[in-house]
Amino acid sequence: MAVRAARFAIAALILFGTASAPAQEAADNYPNRVIKFISPFPPGGLTDLLARVLAEKLQAAFRQPVVVENRPGLGTLIGAEAIAKSPPDGYTLGIASSSTYGISPLLYPKFSTNPVKHLTPIARVGATNFFLISSPSLPARNVRELIDLVRKNPGKYNYASSGTGTPHHLYMEVLKRQLGLDIQHIPYKGSAQAIIDFYSGKIQVMFIDGSLAIPNIKAGKAIGMGTAMAKQTSLVDSVPPIGATVTGYDWDSWQGIAGPAGMPWAVVTKVAEVMRRFQGTQEYRDLMFKTGMEPLPPIAPEQMADFVKNDLGRWAQAVKTSGAKVD
């Protein structure tokens, strides 16, 4: 019996060693052909620009073509599915974000792809710091005055979002719940019409990203009340964090890179290292400013899975607080 067991163990070692050798060799030689990079956004937007610049950085580092493919829809879940269903060899990568992991799966619970299970988080790249803006006609010039105004006039004022379940919506609902505010939600399909109605005075308050907020603040078309992230924004000096007035308020929508579940660790670390080097450059900081994002320090790839899981709890609470549902 002992001899038979020993023979079986030796055979197993030979079998697994032989099976793993090609995979290890492929990882060592990675990449040696075209890489597909999934952008879960429509072409032409600032988040799609981010995806294309990251693809360019990978292409320059690896000296292999990196082709961007747009797969928008369902709060980035269509793109996540395209990544998840690809072979886990590193030749399909793409953008995954706090929406991909934390918000959209809660809004679309029947969707077949579970990003936490079916993706490998590789790197965190940057964060969108949403600005709370108000109409210049509103008799409030900072967060404290806005809180007092809404409390004195329950139900009188409204705020816009770019859609139910978006960060624009969730951030305000969390703020409402924390402070006990009565301000009405008006959802839009995107920010374009919401901004037009904001200009006309139909909308008094809204959260928007920095690329839209900053030009309007500088032009005097909007008052910058505060930012969702607790740290002072690097995008404009005049707008303080909401957290400076509301204790514990700290939210951001981060963007990162992911691949399919089960990727070879050698491939994960190669991709993560390219991003780590890029995040140390002035070009990276310029890109963050251009896209209205905040630069973030890299997270080691071995810490990314824990980072994603720890981020899920607060998004689950935010979605529950908002009561957001998608038909």
Protein backbone atom coordinates (compact mmCIF):
# COMPACT_ATOMS: atom_id res chain seq x y z
CA MET A 1 0.00 0.00 0.00
CA ALA A 2 2.81 2.39 0.91
CA VAL A 3 4.59 1.65 -2.37
CA ARG A 4 1.36 2.15 -4.34
CA ALA A 5 0.73 5.48 -2.57
CA ALA A 6 4.24 6.65 -3.28
CA ARG A 7 3.89 5.74 -6.95
CA PHE A 8 0.58 7.63 -7.10
CA ALA A 9 2.16 10.73 -5.50
CA ILE A 10 5.06 10.66 -7.95
CA ALA A 11 2.67 10.26 -10.90
CA ALA A 12 0.57 13.17 -9.64
CA LEU A 13 3.62 15.40 -9.33
CA ILE A 14 4.68 14.53 -12.86
CA LEU A 15 1.16 15.12 -14.20
CA PHE A 16 0.61 18.48 -12.48
CA GLY A 17 4.14 19.61 -13.17
CA THR A 18 3.71 18.83 -16.86
CA ALA A 19 0.30 20.58 -16.97
CA SER A 20 1.52 23.70 -15.21
CA ALA A 21 4.71 24.06 -17.24
CA PRO A 22 3.00 25.49 -20.37
CA ALA A 23 1.00 27.92 -18.23
CA GLN A 24 4.15 29.10 -16.46
CA GLU A 25 6.00 29.40 -19.75
CA ALA A 26 3.12 31.43 -21.20
CA ALA A 27 3.18 33.75 -18.18
CA ASP A 28 6.95 34.18 -18.44
CA ASN A 29 6.63 35.10 -22.14
CA TYR A 30 3.67 37.43 -21.60
CA PRO A 31 2.75 39.26 -23.68
CA ASN A 32 3.65 38.03 -27.14
CA ARG A 33 0.52 39.01 -29.07
CA VAL A 34 -2.34 41.53 -29.21
CA ILE A 35 -4.08 42.46 -25.93
CA LYS A 36 -7.74 43.47 -25.93
CA PHE A 37 -8.65 46.25 -23.49
CA ILE A 38 -12.34 46.63 -22.59
CA SER A 39 -13.70 50.14 -22.02
CA PRO A 40 -17.13 49.78 -20.34
CA PHE A 41 -18.08 53.30 -21.44
CA PRO A 42 -19.34 54.86 -24.69
CA PRO A 43 -16.62 56.20 -27.01
CA GLY A 44 -15.55 59.81 -26.63
CA GLY A 45 -16.19 60.46 -22.94
CA LEU A 46 -13.57 61.31 -20.35
CA THR A 47 -13.74 57.87 -18.72
CA ASP A 48 -13.22 56.31 -22.15
CA LEU A 49 -10.23 58.64 -22.58
CA LEU A 50 -8.80 57.18 -19.36
CA ALA A 51 -9.19 53.66 -20.75
CA ARG A 52 -7.41 54.62 -23.98
CA VAL A 53 -4.48 56.27 -22.22
CA LEU A 54 -4.02 53.24 -19.96
CA ALA A 55 -4.10 50.99 -23.03
CA GLU A 56 -1.41 53.17 -24.63
CA LYS A 57 0.78 52.82 -21.53
CA LEU A 58 0.46 49.04 -21.59
CA GLN A 59 1.23 48.98 -25.31
CA ALA A 60 4.36 51.09 -24.86
CA ALA A 61 5.58 49.01 -21.93
CA PHE A 62 4.88 45.60 -23.45
CA ARG A 63 5.69 46.48 -27.08
CA GLN A 64 2.59 44.65 -28.23
CA PRO A 65 -0.61 46.13 -29.70
CA VAL A 66 -3.34 46.92 -27.13
CA VAL A 67 -6.71 47.37 -28.84
CA VAL A 68 -9.55 49.18 -27.04
CA GLU A 69 -13.04 47.72 -27.39
CA ASN A 70 -16.05 49.68 -26.10
CA ARG A 71 -18.64 47.57 -24.28
CA PRO A 72 -20.92 50.05 -22.42
CA GLY A 73 -24.10 49.26 -20.54
CA LEU A 74 -25.66 48.19 -17.24
CA GLY A 75 -23.40 50.36 -15.12
CA THR A 76 -20.18 48.80 -16.57
CA LEU A 77 -21.45 45.20 -16.12
CA ILE A 78 -21.55 44.53 -19.88
CA GLY A 79 -17.86 45.34 -20.01
CA ALA A 80 -17.20 43.25 -16.90
CA GLU A 81 -18.93 40.29 -18.52
CA ALA A 82 -16.77 40.63 -21.65
CA ILE A 83 -13.67 40.48 -19.46
CA ALA A 84 -14.93 37.67 -17.22
CA LYS A 85 -15.83 35.35 -20.11
CA SER A 86 -12.41 35.67 -21.75
CA PRO A 87 -9.57 33.20 -21.17
CA PRO A 88 -7.62 34.13 -18.00
CA ASP A 89 -4.33 34.51 -19.83
CA GLY A 90 -3.93 38.30 -19.61
CA TYR A 91 -4.85 38.98 -23.22
CA THR A 92 -8.18 40.53 -22.22
CA LEU A 93 -8.02 43.34 -19.67
CA GLY A 94 -10.20 46.37 -19.01
CA ILE A 95 -11.55 49.04 -16.72
CA ALA A 96 -13.38 47.97 -13.56
CA SER A 97 -14.50 50.41 -10.88
CA SER A 98 -16.40 50.92 -7.66
CA SER A 99 -19.55 50.84 -9.81
CA THR A 100 -18.50 47.52 -11.33
CA TYR A 101 -17.87 45.82 -8.01
CA GLY A 102 -20.04 47.70 -5.53
CA ILE A 103 -23.03 49.49 -7.08
CA SER A 104 -24.16 47.78 -10.29
CA PRO A 105 -24.33 44.20 -8.94
CA LEU A 106 -26.73 45.47 -6.27
CA LEU A 107 -28.90 47.22 -8.86
CA TYR A 108 -28.85 44.28 -11.29
CA PRO A 109 -28.84 41.27 -8.94
CA LYS A 110 -29.99 38.82 -11.65
CA PHE A 111 -27.07 39.60 -13.95
CA SER A 112 -25.05 36.44 -14.52
CA THR A 113 -21.58 37.92 -14.00
CA ASN A 114 -20.47 38.54 -10.41
CA PRO A 115 -17.43 40.84 -10.66
CA VAL A 116 -16.06 39.85 -7.25
CA LYS A 117 -16.05 36.17 -8.25
CA HIS A 118 -15.38 36.45 -11.95
CA LEU A 119 -12.74 39.19 -12.18
CA THR A 120 -9.15 39.57 -10.98
CA PRO A 121 -8.63 43.10 -9.62
CA ILE A 122 -5.16 44.22 -10.70
CA ALA A 123 -4.67 47.93 -9.98
CA ARG A 124 -6.46 51.03 -8.72
CA VAL A 125 -5.69 54.00 -10.95
CA GLY A 126 -7.64 57.09 -9.86
CA ALA A 127 -10.85 58.38 -8.29
CA THR A 128 -13.64 60.66 -9.41
CA ASN A 129 -14.23 63.26 -6.72
CA PHE A 130 -17.81 64.48 -7.12
CA PHE A 131 -18.57 68.14 -6.44
CA LEU A 132 -21.74 69.28 -4.71
CA ILE A 133 -22.80 72.44 -6.55
CA SER A 134 -25.73 74.81 -6.03
CA SER A 135 -27.39 77.50 -8.07
CA PRO A 136 -26.04 81.03 -7.53
CA SER A 137 -29.65 82.10 -6.90
CA LEU A 138 -29.86 79.83 -3.85
CA PRO A 139 -29.37 81.79 -0.60
CA ALA A 140 -26.55 79.53 0.60
CA ARG A 141 -22.82 79.73 -0.07
CA ASN A 142 -21.43 76.73 1.79
CA VAL A 143 -22.47 73.33 3.11
CA ARG A 144 -23.44 74.65 6.55
CA GLU A 145 -25.72 77.28 5.04
CA LEU A 146 -27.21 74.73 2.64
CA ILE A 147 -28.02 72.35 5.50
CA ASP A 148 -29.68 75.13 7.47
CA LEU A 149 -31.64 76.31 4.42
CA VAL A 150 -33.04 72.86 3.61
CA ARG A 151 -33.91 72.17 7.24
CA LYS A 152 -35.87 75.44 7.46
CA ASN A 153 -37.69 74.65 4.20
CA PRO A 154 -38.42 70.89 4.13
CA GLY A 155 -39.50 69.66 0.72
CA LYS A 156 -39.02 73.03 -0.99
CA TYR A 157 -35.75 72.34 -2.77
CA ASN A 158 -34.62 69.62 -5.18
CA TYR A 159 -31.48 68.00 -6.47
CA ALA A 160 -30.67 66.29 -9.75
CA SER A 161 -28.78 63.11 -10.48
CA SER A 162 -27.65 61.51 -13.73
CA GLY A 163 -29.86 58.52 -12.91
CA THR A 164 -31.19 56.39 -10.08
CA GLY A 165 -28.41 54.38 -8.47
CA THR A 166 -25.57 56.50 -9.85
CA PRO A 167 -22.99 57.97 -7.46
CA HIS A 168 -24.62 61.38 -8.03
CA HIS A 169 -27.79 59.94 -6.49
CA LEU A 170 -26.25 57.78 -3.77
CA TYR A 171 -23.99 60.52 -2.39
CA MET A 172 -26.90 62.87 -1.81
CA GLU A 173 -29.12 60.18 -0.33
CA VAL A 174 -26.39 59.25 2.17
CA LEU A 175 -26.04 62.93 3.06
CA LYS A 176 -29.82 63.26 3.42
CA ARG A 177 -30.01 60.26 5.72
CA GLN A 178 -27.05 61.35 7.83
CA LEU A 179 -28.42 64.86 8.35
CA GLY A 180 -32.16 64.21 8.20
CA LEU A 181 -32.69 66.48 5.18
CA ASP A 182 -35.90 66.71 3.13
CA ILE A 183 -34.80 67.55 -0.43
CA GLN A 184 -36.45 66.04 -3.49
CA HIS A 185 -34.64 63.82 -6.00
CA ILE A 186 -35.10 64.44 -9.74
CA PRO A 187 -33.33 61.74 -11.78
CA TYR A 188 -32.14 62.36 -15.35
CA LYS A 189 -30.71 60.10 -18.03
CA GLY A 190 -27.20 61.48 -17.87
CA SER A 191 -25.83 64.84 -16.75
CA ALA A 192 -26.35 66.89 -19.95
CA GLN A 193 -30.06 67.72 -19.49
CA ALA A 194 -29.62 68.04 -15.74
CA ILE A 195 -27.01 70.77 -16.26
CA ILE A 196 -29.33 72.62 -18.66
CA ASP A 197 -32.14 72.57 -16.09
CA PHE A 198 -29.65 73.62 -13.41
CA TYR A 199 -28.78 76.69 -15.49
CA SER A 200 -32.46 77.52 -15.96
CA GLY A 201 -33.16 77.37 -12.22
CA LYS A 202 -35.34 74.24 -12.31
CA ILE A 203 -32.66 72.40 -10.31
CA GLN A 204 -31.09 73.92 -7.20
CA VAL A 205 -28.44 71.37 -6.18
CA MET A 206 -26.57 68.44 -7.71
CA PHE A 207 -23.44 66.32 -7.53
CA ILE A 208 -21.31 66.33 -10.70
CA ASP A 209 -17.76 65.31 -11.50
CA GLY A 210 -14.92 67.81 -11.53
CA SER A 211 -14.65 68.06 -15.32
CA LEU A 212 -18.15 69.60 -15.36
CA ALA A 213 -18.11 71.32 -11.98
CA ILE A 214 -14.87 73.29 -12.19
CA PRO A 215 -15.60 75.27 -15.40
CA ASN A 216 -19.04 76.19 -14.06
CA ILE A 217 -17.66 77.24 -10.68
CA LYS A 218 -14.94 79.36 -12.28
CA ALA A 219 -17.49 80.96 -14.63
CA GLY A 220 -19.78 81.85 -11.73
CA LYS A 221 -22.56 79.61 -13.04
CA ALA A 222 -22.43 77.37 -9.96
CA ILE A 223 -21.39 77.60 -6.32
CA GLY A 224 -18.95 74.89 -5.25
CA MET A 225 -20.35 73.75 -1.91
CA GLY A 226 -18.02 70.85 -1.26
CA THR A 227 -16.51 67.61 -2.51
CA ALA A 228 -17.46 64.04 -1.69
CA MET A 229 -13.92 62.94 -0.80
CA ALA A 230 -12.77 63.89 2.70
CA LYS A 231 -9.35 65.05 1.55
CA GLN A 232 -8.93 68.47 -0.06
CA THR A 233 -9.36 68.18 -3.81
CA SER A 234 -6.29 68.70 -5.97
CA LEU A 235 -8.46 70.04 -8.80
CA VAL A 236 -9.43 73.44 -7.36
CA ASP A 237 -8.40 75.19 -4.15
CA SER A 238 -11.63 77.06 -3.42
CA VAL A 239 -13.90 74.07 -2.73
CA PRO A 240 -13.55 72.33 0.66
CA PRO A 241 -14.52 68.74 1.45
CA ILE A 242 -18.06 68.17 2.67
CA GLY A 243 -16.39 66.14 5.40
CA ALA A 244 -15.00 69.36 6.86
CA THR A 245 -18.59 70.17 7.89
CA VAL A 246 -20.26 66.75 8.02
CA THR A 247 -18.26 64.36 10.21
CA GLY A 248 -17.31 61.09 8.54
CA TYR A 249 -18.56 61.99 5.07
CA ASP A 250 -16.05 60.50 2.61
CA TRP A 251 -16.96 59.03 -0.79
CA ASP A 252 -15.23 58.50 -4.10
CA SER A 253 -15.76 56.50 -7.27
CA TRP A 254 -12.48 54.82 -8.12
CA GLN A 255 -11.37 53.37 -11.45
CA GLY A 256 -8.98 50.49 -11.94
CA ILE A 257 -7.83 47.64 -14.17
CA ALA A 258 -9.06 44.05 -13.99
CA GLY A 259 -8.80 40.78 -15.89
CA PRO A 260 -10.68 37.48 -15.77
CA ALA A 261 -10.60 35.37 -12.62
CA GLY A 262 -7.75 32.88 -12.42
CA MET A 263 -5.05 34.90 -14.16
CA PRO A 264 -1.44 33.77 -13.63
CA TRP A 265 0.08 35.81 -10.82
CA ALA A 266 3.14 36.61 -12.93
CA VAL A 267 0.87 38.31 -15.48
CA VAL A 268 -1.06 40.22 -12.80
CA THR A 269 2.16 41.63 -11.35
CA LYS A 270 3.49 42.63 -14.79
CA VAL A 271 0.36 44.66 -15.55
CA ALA A 272 0.27 46.17 -12.06
CA GLU A 273 3.92 47.23 -12.32
CA VAL A 274 3.24 49.15 -15.55
CA MET A 275 0.44 51.05 -13.78
CA ARG A 276 2.60 51.64 -10.68
CA ARG A 277 5.32 53.26 -12.78
CA PHE A 278 2.81 55.37 -14.70
CA GLN A 279 1.24 56.66 -11.48
CA GLY A 280 4.56 58.15 -10.48
CA THR A 281 4.76 60.45 -13.52
CA GLN A 282 3.66 64.01 -14.25
CA GLU A 283 1.80 62.66 -17.28
CA TYR A 284 -0.39 60.65 -14.91
CA ARG A 285 -1.16 63.71 -12.77
CA ASP A 286 -1.99 65.71 -15.90
CA LEU A 287 -4.33 62.94 -17.06
CA MET A 288 -6.13 62.95 -13.72
CA PHE A 289 -6.68 66.71 -13.96
CA LYS A 290 -7.87 66.47 -17.57
CA THR A 291 -10.41 63.77 -16.72
CA GLY A 292 -11.54 65.47 -13.51
CA MET A 293 -10.11 62.72 -11.34
CA GLU A 294 -7.98 62.67 -8.21
CA PRO A 295 -4.57 60.94 -8.34
CA LEU A 296 -4.27 57.99 -5.98
CA PRO A 297 -1.26 56.06 -4.70
CA PRO A 298 -0.94 52.56 -6.14
CA ILE A 299 -2.21 49.55 -4.21
CA ALA A 300 -0.10 46.40 -4.38
CA PRO A 301 -1.84 43.76 -6.53
CA GLU A 302 -1.92 41.30 -3.63
CA GLN A 303 -3.95 43.86 -1.65
CA MET A 304 -6.46 44.65 -4.39
CA ALA A 305 -8.87 41.80 -3.60
CA ASP A 306 -9.16 42.91 0.04
CA PHE A 307 -9.54 46.53 -1.05
CA VAL A 308 -12.46 45.60 -3.32
CA LYS A 309 -14.18 43.48 -0.67
CA ASN A 310 -13.81 46.15 2.00
CA ASP A 311 -15.30 48.69 -0.40
CA LEU A 312 -18.42 46.59 -0.97
CA GLY A 313 -19.93 47.05 2.48
CA ARG A 314 -20.31 50.80 2.32
CA TRP A 315 -21.79 50.69 -1.18
CA ALA A 316 -24.32 48.11 -0.06
CA GLN A 317 -25.35 50.42 2.76
CA ALA A 318 -25.52 53.41 0.39
CA VAL A 319 -27.76 51.58 -2.06
CA LYS A 320 -29.99 50.38 0.78
CA THR A 321 -30.20 53.93 2.17
CA SER A 322 -31.14 55.35 -1.22
CA GLY A 323 -33.79 52.76 -1.96
CA ALA A 324 -32.44 52.75 -5.52
CA LYS A 325 -33.99 50.24 -7.90
CA VAL A 326 -33.48 49.79 -11.63
CA ASP A 327 -36.30 48.45 -13.82
